[in-house]
């Protein structure tokens, strides 16, 4: 699904835009535990989270996630915005809950990340 289709679907407000609106997103990860996000390393994934600290950007950089959506209207601090710009990671904000965002994206055809077992 193209980013340009996702923006109106979950009512996104752009905060840091690096990639073009035709960027193809293939899977979604809804998570607030960054240790769980590290279990996902697929390209073309979008992260939905309620966490707004710079650690989220660093985690996404390590896993090649290029899109972070902050849910529930939570605005990140300036250091998170600055780090995302520096690292080439797109940031958007949705006023919707994580549950609502995930539901709308799933209904529109986006799948979830494939879980890898971590022992």
N, C-alpha and C. Protein backbone atom coordinates (compact mmCIF):
# COMPACT_ATOMS: atom_id res chain seq x y z
N UNK A 1 0.84 -1.17 0.00
CA UNK A 1 0.00 0.00 0.00
C UNK A 1 0.90 1.24 0.00
N UNK A 2 0.55 2.20 -0.79
CA UNK A 2 1.35 3.43 -0.87
C UNK A 2 1.10 4.32 0.35
N UNK A 3 2.14 5.03 0.73
CA UNK A 3 2.03 5.97 1.83
C UNK A 3 0.92 6.98 1.56
N UNK A 4 0.78 7.41 0.32
CA UNK A 4 -0.25 8.39 -0.04
C UNK A 4 -1.66 7.87 0.24
N UNK A 5 -1.84 6.55 0.26
CA UNK A 5 -3.14 5.94 0.60
C UNK A 5 -3.31 5.82 2.10
N UNK A 6 -2.20 5.66 2.81
CA UNK A 6 -2.23 5.48 4.26
C UNK A 6 -2.53 6.79 4.99
N UNK A 7 -1.99 7.89 4.46
CA UNK A 7 -2.14 9.20 5.12
C UNK A 7 -3.60 9.52 5.44
N UNK A 8 -4.52 9.49 4.48
CA UNK A 8 -5.91 9.80 4.83
C UNK A 8 -6.60 8.68 5.63
N UNK A 9 -6.16 7.46 5.41
CA UNK A 9 -6.78 6.30 6.06
C UNK A 9 -6.69 6.38 7.59
N UNK A 10 -5.52 6.77 8.09
CA UNK A 10 -5.37 6.86 9.54
C UNK A 10 -5.09 8.30 9.99
N UNK A 11 -5.48 9.23 9.12
CA UNK A 11 -5.49 10.67 9.45
C UNK A 11 -4.12 11.19 9.89
N UNK A 12 -3.09 10.90 9.08
CA UNK A 12 -1.73 11.24 9.46
C UNK A 12 -1.39 12.71 9.25
N UNK A 13 -0.65 13.22 10.21
CA UNK A 13 -0.06 14.56 10.13
C UNK A 13 1.44 14.36 9.97
N UNK A 14 2.05 14.90 8.92
CA UNK A 14 3.50 14.73 8.73
C UNK A 14 4.28 15.56 9.75
N UNK A 15 5.32 14.94 10.31
CA UNK A 15 6.23 15.63 11.23
C UNK A 15 7.62 15.75 10.62
N UNK A 16 8.14 14.64 10.11
CA UNK A 16 9.42 14.60 9.39
C UNK A 16 9.18 13.75 8.15
N UNK A 17 9.31 14.37 6.98
CA UNK A 17 9.06 13.65 5.73
C UNK A 17 10.36 13.54 4.95
N UNK A 18 10.79 12.31 4.72
CA UNK A 18 12.01 12.02 3.98
C UNK A 18 11.66 11.39 2.64
N UNK A 19 10.81 10.36 2.67
CA UNK A 19 10.47 9.60 1.46
C UNK A 19 9.24 10.16 0.76
N UNK A 20 9.12 9.83 -0.50
CA UNK A 20 8.02 10.29 -1.33
C UNK A 20 6.71 9.60 -0.97
N UNK A 21 5.57 10.22 -1.29
CA UNK A 21 4.27 9.63 -0.97
C UNK A 21 3.97 8.33 -1.71
N UNK A 22 4.75 8.02 -2.76
CA UNK A 22 4.53 6.76 -3.47
C UNK A 22 5.31 5.60 -2.87
N UNK A 23 6.00 5.84 -1.75
CA UNK A 23 6.74 4.76 -1.08
C UNK A 23 5.77 3.63 -0.75
N UNK A 24 6.19 2.41 -1.02
CA UNK A 24 5.35 1.24 -0.81
C UNK A 24 5.59 0.65 0.58
N UNK A 25 4.56 0.63 1.40
CA UNK A 25 4.62 0.00 2.73
C UNK A 25 4.01 -1.39 2.59
N UNK A 26 4.70 -2.41 3.10
CA UNK A 26 4.22 -3.78 2.94
C UNK A 26 3.67 -4.40 4.21
N UNK A 27 4.22 -4.02 5.37
CA UNK A 27 3.76 -4.60 6.64
C UNK A 27 3.73 -3.52 7.72
N UNK A 28 3.01 -3.84 8.79
CA UNK A 28 2.86 -2.92 9.92
C UNK A 28 3.21 -3.65 11.20
N UNK A 29 3.88 -2.92 12.09
CA UNK A 29 4.21 -3.42 13.43
C UNK A 29 3.64 -2.43 14.43
N UNK A 30 2.70 -2.84 15.26
CA UNK A 30 2.15 -1.99 16.31
C UNK A 30 2.73 -2.43 17.63
N UNK A 31 3.59 -1.60 18.24
CA UNK A 31 4.30 -2.06 19.42
C UNK A 31 4.87 -0.88 20.22
N UNK A 32 4.89 -1.03 21.55
CA UNK A 32 5.54 -0.05 22.42
C UNK A 32 6.80 -0.63 23.08
N UNK A 33 7.04 -1.90 22.93
CA UNK A 33 8.24 -2.53 23.47
C UNK A 33 9.31 -2.58 22.39
N UNK A 34 10.33 -1.76 22.52
CA UNK A 34 11.35 -1.69 21.48
C UNK A 34 12.15 -2.99 21.39
N UNK A 35 12.22 -3.75 22.46
CA UNK A 35 12.89 -5.06 22.37
C UNK A 35 12.11 -5.99 21.44
N UNK A 36 10.79 -5.87 21.41
CA UNK A 36 10.00 -6.66 20.47
C UNK A 36 10.18 -6.16 19.04
N UNK A 37 10.31 -4.87 18.87
CA UNK A 37 10.52 -4.31 17.53
C UNK A 37 11.82 -4.85 16.94
N UNK A 38 12.81 -5.04 17.77
CA UNK A 38 14.09 -5.59 17.29
C UNK A 38 13.93 -6.99 16.72
N UNK A 39 12.84 -7.67 17.07
CA UNK A 39 12.59 -9.01 16.53
C UNK A 39 12.11 -8.95 15.08
N UNK A 40 11.75 -7.75 14.61
CA UNK A 40 11.26 -7.56 13.25
C UNK A 40 12.32 -6.82 12.45
N UNK A 41 12.67 -7.35 11.31
CA UNK A 41 13.71 -6.68 10.53
C UNK A 41 13.37 -6.60 9.05
N UNK A 42 12.10 -6.64 8.72
CA UNK A 42 11.70 -6.56 7.32
C UNK A 42 11.77 -5.12 6.83
N UNK A 43 12.13 -4.97 5.58
CA UNK A 43 12.09 -3.65 4.96
C UNK A 43 10.64 -3.31 4.63
N UNK A 44 10.41 -2.04 4.39
CA UNK A 44 9.10 -1.54 3.99
C UNK A 44 8.04 -1.80 5.06
N UNK A 45 8.46 -1.68 6.32
CA UNK A 45 7.56 -1.83 7.45
C UNK A 45 7.31 -0.47 8.08
N UNK A 46 6.12 -0.30 8.61
CA UNK A 46 5.73 0.90 9.32
C UNK A 46 5.53 0.53 10.79
N UNK A 47 6.09 1.34 11.70
CA UNK A 47 5.92 1.11 13.13
C UNK A 47 4.87 2.07 13.68
N UNK A 48 3.90 1.53 14.38
CA UNK A 48 2.92 2.31 15.12
C UNK A 48 3.29 2.21 16.59
N UNK A 49 3.44 3.34 17.28
CA UNK A 49 3.84 3.31 18.68
C UNK A 49 3.32 4.53 19.43
N UNK A 50 3.21 4.36 20.73
CA UNK A 50 2.85 5.47 21.61
C UNK A 50 4.07 6.08 22.26
N UNK A 51 5.24 5.50 22.02
CA UNK A 51 6.48 6.03 22.58
C UNK A 51 7.02 7.12 21.67
N UNK A 52 7.52 8.20 22.25
CA UNK A 52 7.97 9.32 21.44
C UNK A 52 9.43 9.70 21.69
N UNK A 53 10.16 8.91 22.42
CA UNK A 53 11.54 9.28 22.75
C UNK A 53 12.50 8.90 21.62
N UNK A 54 13.72 9.44 21.64
CA UNK A 54 14.69 9.15 20.57
C UNK A 54 15.06 7.68 20.44
N UNK A 55 14.88 6.90 21.50
CA UNK A 55 15.19 5.47 21.45
C UNK A 55 14.37 4.77 20.35
N UNK A 56 13.16 5.25 20.11
CA UNK A 56 12.32 4.67 19.05
C UNK A 56 12.99 4.84 17.69
N UNK A 57 13.53 6.02 17.44
CA UNK A 57 14.21 6.28 16.17
C UNK A 57 15.45 5.40 16.05
N UNK A 58 16.21 5.28 17.11
CA UNK A 58 17.42 4.44 17.08
C UNK A 58 17.07 2.97 16.82
N UNK A 59 16.01 2.50 17.42
CA UNK A 59 15.57 1.12 17.19
C UNK A 59 15.17 0.92 15.74
N UNK A 60 14.43 1.86 15.19
CA UNK A 60 14.01 1.75 13.78
C UNK A 60 15.20 1.82 12.84
N UNK A 61 16.18 2.62 13.19
CA UNK A 61 17.38 2.69 12.36
C UNK A 61 18.07 1.32 12.32
N UNK A 62 18.12 0.63 13.44
CA UNK A 62 18.76 -0.69 13.51
C UNK A 62 18.00 -1.75 12.73
N UNK A 63 16.70 -1.59 12.58
CA UNK A 63 15.87 -2.60 11.93
C UNK A 63 15.42 -2.20 10.53
N UNK A 64 15.95 -1.09 10.01
CA UNK A 64 15.60 -0.60 8.67
C UNK A 64 14.13 -0.23 8.52
N UNK A 65 13.48 0.15 9.60
CA UNK A 65 12.12 0.67 9.54
C UNK A 65 12.23 2.15 9.22
N UNK A 66 11.58 2.59 8.18
CA UNK A 66 11.70 3.97 7.70
C UNK A 66 10.52 4.86 8.06
N UNK A 67 9.46 4.28 8.64
CA UNK A 67 8.26 5.05 8.99
C UNK A 67 7.82 4.77 10.42
N UNK A 68 7.71 5.83 11.20
CA UNK A 68 7.20 5.73 12.56
C UNK A 68 5.93 6.57 12.63
N UNK A 69 4.86 5.96 13.12
CA UNK A 69 3.60 6.66 13.32
C UNK A 69 3.36 6.73 14.82
N UNK A 70 3.30 7.94 15.35
CA UNK A 70 2.97 8.12 16.77
C UNK A 70 1.46 8.18 16.89
N UNK A 71 0.90 7.29 17.70
CA UNK A 71 -0.56 7.17 17.83
C UNK A 71 -1.06 8.01 19.00
N UNK A 72 -2.38 8.11 19.08
CA UNK A 72 -3.07 8.84 20.16
C UNK A 72 -2.69 10.32 20.22
N UNK A 73 -2.24 10.87 19.10
CA UNK A 73 -1.91 12.30 19.05
C UNK A 73 -0.70 12.69 19.86
N UNK A 74 0.15 11.73 20.21
CA UNK A 74 1.33 12.02 21.04
C UNK A 74 2.42 12.67 20.19
N UNK A 75 2.82 13.85 20.58
CA UNK A 75 3.85 14.60 19.85
C UNK A 75 5.23 14.31 20.44
N UNK A 76 6.18 13.98 19.57
CA UNK A 76 7.53 13.70 20.06
C UNK A 76 8.27 14.98 20.42
N UNK A 77 9.25 14.87 21.32
CA UNK A 77 10.07 16.04 21.65
C UNK A 77 10.99 16.39 20.48
N UNK A 78 11.55 17.57 20.54
CA UNK A 78 12.39 18.08 19.45
C UNK A 78 13.60 17.18 19.19
N UNK A 79 14.18 16.58 20.23
CA UNK A 79 15.36 15.73 20.00
C UNK A 79 14.99 14.49 19.18
N UNK A 80 13.77 14.00 19.31
CA UNK A 80 13.32 12.87 18.50
C UNK A 80 13.16 13.31 17.04
N UNK A 81 12.57 14.47 16.83
CA UNK A 81 12.41 15.01 15.47
C UNK A 81 13.77 15.22 14.80
N UNK A 82 14.69 15.82 15.54
CA UNK A 82 16.03 16.09 14.99
C UNK A 82 16.76 14.80 14.62
N UNK A 83 16.69 13.81 15.50
CA UNK A 83 17.36 12.53 15.23
C UNK A 83 16.75 11.84 14.01
N UNK A 84 15.44 11.89 13.88
CA UNK A 84 14.78 11.27 12.72
C UNK A 84 15.24 11.93 11.42
N UNK A 85 15.31 13.25 11.41
CA UNK A 85 15.80 13.96 10.22
C UNK A 85 17.22 13.53 9.89
N UNK A 86 18.05 13.48 10.91
CA UNK A 86 19.46 13.11 10.73
C UNK A 86 19.61 11.69 10.22
N UNK A 87 18.76 10.78 10.66
CA UNK A 87 18.86 9.35 10.31
C UNK A 87 18.00 8.96 9.11
N UNK A 88 17.23 9.90 8.56
CA UNK A 88 16.43 9.60 7.38
C UNK A 88 15.20 8.76 7.66
N UNK A 89 14.57 9.00 8.79
CA UNK A 89 13.38 8.24 9.18
C UNK A 89 12.18 9.17 9.20
N UNK A 90 11.11 8.75 8.55
CA UNK A 90 9.88 9.52 8.45
C UNK A 90 9.07 9.42 9.73
N UNK A 91 8.54 10.56 10.18
CA UNK A 91 7.70 10.57 11.38
C UNK A 91 6.34 11.18 11.03
N UNK A 92 5.30 10.51 11.48
CA UNK A 92 3.93 11.00 11.31
C UNK A 92 3.19 10.84 12.63
N UNK A 93 2.09 11.56 12.75
CA UNK A 93 1.29 11.51 13.95
C UNK A 93 -0.15 11.20 13.56
N UNK A 94 -0.79 10.29 14.29
CA UNK A 94 -2.20 9.99 14.08
C UNK A 94 -2.96 10.29 15.37
N UNK A 95 -4.13 10.88 15.26
CA UNK A 95 -4.93 11.13 16.45
C UNK A 95 -5.63 9.86 16.96
N UNK A 96 -5.58 8.81 16.16
CA UNK A 96 -6.28 7.56 16.48
C UNK A 96 -5.48 6.69 17.45
N UNK A 97 -6.17 5.77 18.11
CA UNK A 97 -5.49 4.80 18.98
C UNK A 97 -4.72 3.80 18.14
N UNK A 98 -3.81 3.08 18.76
CA UNK A 98 -3.06 2.05 18.04
C UNK A 98 -4.02 0.99 17.50
N UNK A 99 -4.99 0.61 18.31
CA UNK A 99 -5.98 -0.39 17.91
C UNK A 99 -6.72 0.05 16.65
N UNK A 100 -7.18 1.29 16.64
CA UNK A 100 -7.92 1.81 15.48
C UNK A 100 -7.03 1.87 14.24
N UNK A 101 -5.80 2.35 14.40
CA UNK A 101 -4.87 2.42 13.27
C UNK A 101 -4.61 1.03 12.69
N UNK A 102 -4.29 0.09 13.57
CA UNK A 102 -4.01 -1.28 13.12
C UNK A 102 -5.22 -1.88 12.41
N UNK A 103 -6.40 -1.67 12.97
CA UNK A 103 -7.62 -2.22 12.38
C UNK A 103 -7.88 -1.66 10.99
N UNK A 104 -7.74 -0.35 10.84
CA UNK A 104 -7.96 0.26 9.53
C UNK A 104 -6.94 -0.21 8.51
N UNK A 105 -5.68 -0.30 8.92
CA UNK A 105 -4.63 -0.74 8.00
C UNK A 105 -4.81 -2.20 7.60
N UNK A 106 -5.18 -3.04 8.56
CA UNK A 106 -5.42 -4.45 8.27
C UNK A 106 -6.60 -4.61 7.32
N UNK A 107 -7.67 -3.87 7.59
CA UNK A 107 -8.85 -3.93 6.74
C UNK A 107 -8.54 -3.47 5.32
N UNK A 108 -7.59 -2.55 5.19
CA UNK A 108 -7.20 -2.03 3.87
C UNK A 108 -6.23 -2.96 3.14
N UNK A 109 -5.80 -4.04 3.82
CA UNK A 109 -4.97 -5.03 3.13
C UNK A 109 -3.52 -5.12 3.58
N UNK A 110 -3.10 -4.30 4.52
CA UNK A 110 -1.71 -4.42 5.01
C UNK A 110 -1.62 -5.55 6.01
N UNK A 111 -0.54 -6.31 5.92
CA UNK A 111 -0.33 -7.43 6.83
C UNK A 111 0.58 -7.04 7.98
N UNK A 112 0.71 -7.97 8.92
CA UNK A 112 1.57 -7.73 10.08
C UNK A 112 2.94 -8.33 9.83
N UNK A 113 3.87 -7.93 10.63
CA UNK A 113 5.23 -8.49 10.58
C UNK A 113 5.17 -9.98 10.87
N UNK A 114 6.14 -10.69 10.34
CA UNK A 114 6.28 -12.11 10.65
C UNK A 114 7.12 -12.23 11.90
N UNK A 115 6.56 -12.83 12.91
CA UNK A 115 7.28 -12.99 14.18
C UNK A 115 8.35 -14.07 14.05
N UNK A 116 9.50 -13.77 14.60
CA UNK A 116 10.57 -14.78 14.73
C UNK A 116 10.62 -15.16 16.18
N UNK A 117 10.78 -16.40 16.45
CA UNK A 117 10.86 -16.86 17.83
C UNK A 117 12.19 -16.47 18.45
N UNK A 118 12.12 -15.86 19.61
CA UNK A 118 13.33 -15.47 20.35
C UNK A 118 13.34 -16.26 21.65
N UNK A 119 14.35 -17.08 21.82
CA UNK A 119 14.46 -17.87 23.06
C UNK A 119 15.38 -17.23 24.07
